[in-house]
Protein backbone atom coordinates (compact mmCIF):
# COMPACT_ATOMS: atom_id res chain seq x y z
CA MET A 1 34.67 0.16 -5.83
CA GLY A 2 37.03 0.83 -3.13
CA TYR A 3 38.37 3.92 -1.00
CA GLY A 4 40.84 5.57 -3.23
CA ALA A 5 39.41 4.74 -6.11
CA VAL A 6 36.75 6.73 -5.08
CA VAL A 7 39.04 9.28 -3.59
CA LYS A 8 40.82 9.64 -6.69
CA LYS A 9 37.68 9.70 -8.66
CA ILE A 10 36.92 12.99 -6.28
CA ARG A 11 40.39 14.59 -6.85
CA GLN A 12 39.89 13.54 -11.07
CA GLU A 13 37.29 15.46 -11.12
CA LYS A 14 38.32 18.91 -9.60
CA ASN A 15 41.53 17.86 -11.96
CA MET A 16 43.80 18.51 -9.06
CA SER A 17 47.23 17.04 -8.82
CA LEU A 18 48.04 15.16 -6.26
CA ARG A 19 49.83 17.83 -5.31
CA GLN A 20 46.96 20.41 -4.83
CA PHE A 21 44.22 17.87 -4.44
CA GLY A 22 46.35 17.31 -0.36
CA GLU A 23 46.72 20.94 -0.25
CA LEU A 24 42.81 21.36 0.17
CA VAL A 25 42.52 18.66 2.49
CA GLY A 26 44.57 19.32 4.62
CA PHE A 27 47.29 16.24 4.13
CA SER A 28 50.34 15.90 2.04
CA HIS A 29 50.74 14.38 -1.66
CA THR A 30 52.97 11.38 -0.77
CA ALA A 31 49.64 10.71 2.20
CA ILE A 32 47.07 11.69 -0.75
CA SER A 33 48.67 8.47 -3.08
CA LYS A 34 48.74 6.07 -0.15
CA ILE A 35 45.20 6.23 0.25
CA GLU A 36 44.34 6.08 -3.52
CA LYS A 37 46.17 3.14 -3.86
CA GLU A 38 44.75 2.16 -0.92
CA TYR A 39 48.60 0.18 0.38
CA SER A 40 52.04 1.06 1.76
CA ASP A 41 54.97 2.71 0.62
CA LYS A 42 56.08 -1.72 -0.32
CA GLY A 43 52.50 -2.47 -2.06
CA LYS A 44 53.00 -5.14 0.93
CA GLU A 45 50.02 -4.37 3.60
CA LYS A 46 47.29 -2.74 2.92
CA LEU A 47 46.30 0.45 4.34
CA GLN A 48 44.08 1.13 7.79
CA VAL A 49 42.69 4.19 6.65
CA PRO A 50 41.25 6.13 9.67
CA ILE A 51 37.29 6.78 9.01
CA ASP A 52 37.26 10.52 10.51
CA THR A 53 40.54 10.94 7.94
CA LEU A 54 37.79 10.10 4.65
CA LYS A 55 34.88 12.07 6.62
CA GLN A 56 37.71 15.28 5.97
CA ILE A 57 38.75 14.82 2.43
CA CYS A 58 35.07 14.78 1.92
CA ASP A 59 34.19 17.61 4.40
CA ARG A 60 37.20 19.42 1.96
CA SER A 61 36.32 18.54 -0.98
CA ASN A 62 33.18 19.28 -1.09
CA TYR A 63 31.86 16.05 -1.42
CA CYS A 64 28.56 14.47 0.50
CA PHE A 65 29.71 11.72 2.54
CA LYS A 66 27.31 9.46 2.51
CA LYS A 67 27.19 9.32 -1.54
CA PHE A 68 31.02 8.48 -0.81
CA LEU A 69 30.62 5.00 1.88
CA GLU A 70 28.59 4.06 -0.93
CA GLU A 71 30.57 4.43 -3.48
CA ALA A 72 33.03 2.59 -1.49
CA GLY A 73 31.14 -0.01 -0.93
CA TYR A 74 30.59 0.65 3.39
CA ILE A 75 26.96 0.74 3.10
CA LYS A 76 24.32 -0.36 0.76
CA GLU A 77 22.93 2.38 -1.63
CA THR A 78 19.65 4.37 -0.92
CA LYS A 79 16.68 5.62 -2.94
C-alpha cells in the first residue's frame, strides 16, 4: 500500500472528511486529497511528499509513524 492509501485509511478510521482531517493535521483539504491520490492535479506527475509532511500527519492524528512507514512500504515490518 502506498503512502496515499495509508493517509486515506487513517482519515477514514477517524470518520473525517478531507476538510476536517486537513484542519486536524494542518494542511488544506486539497493538499490532503493530492496526498491521498499521490499525483498532481493533472494526474500526470507522482507527488514527492516530504517525509516531514507525512510525520506531521501521523503526529497530529495520533498514528504511529513507524506503523505508517511499514504500511506504506518504506520499511520492513518488524515483529
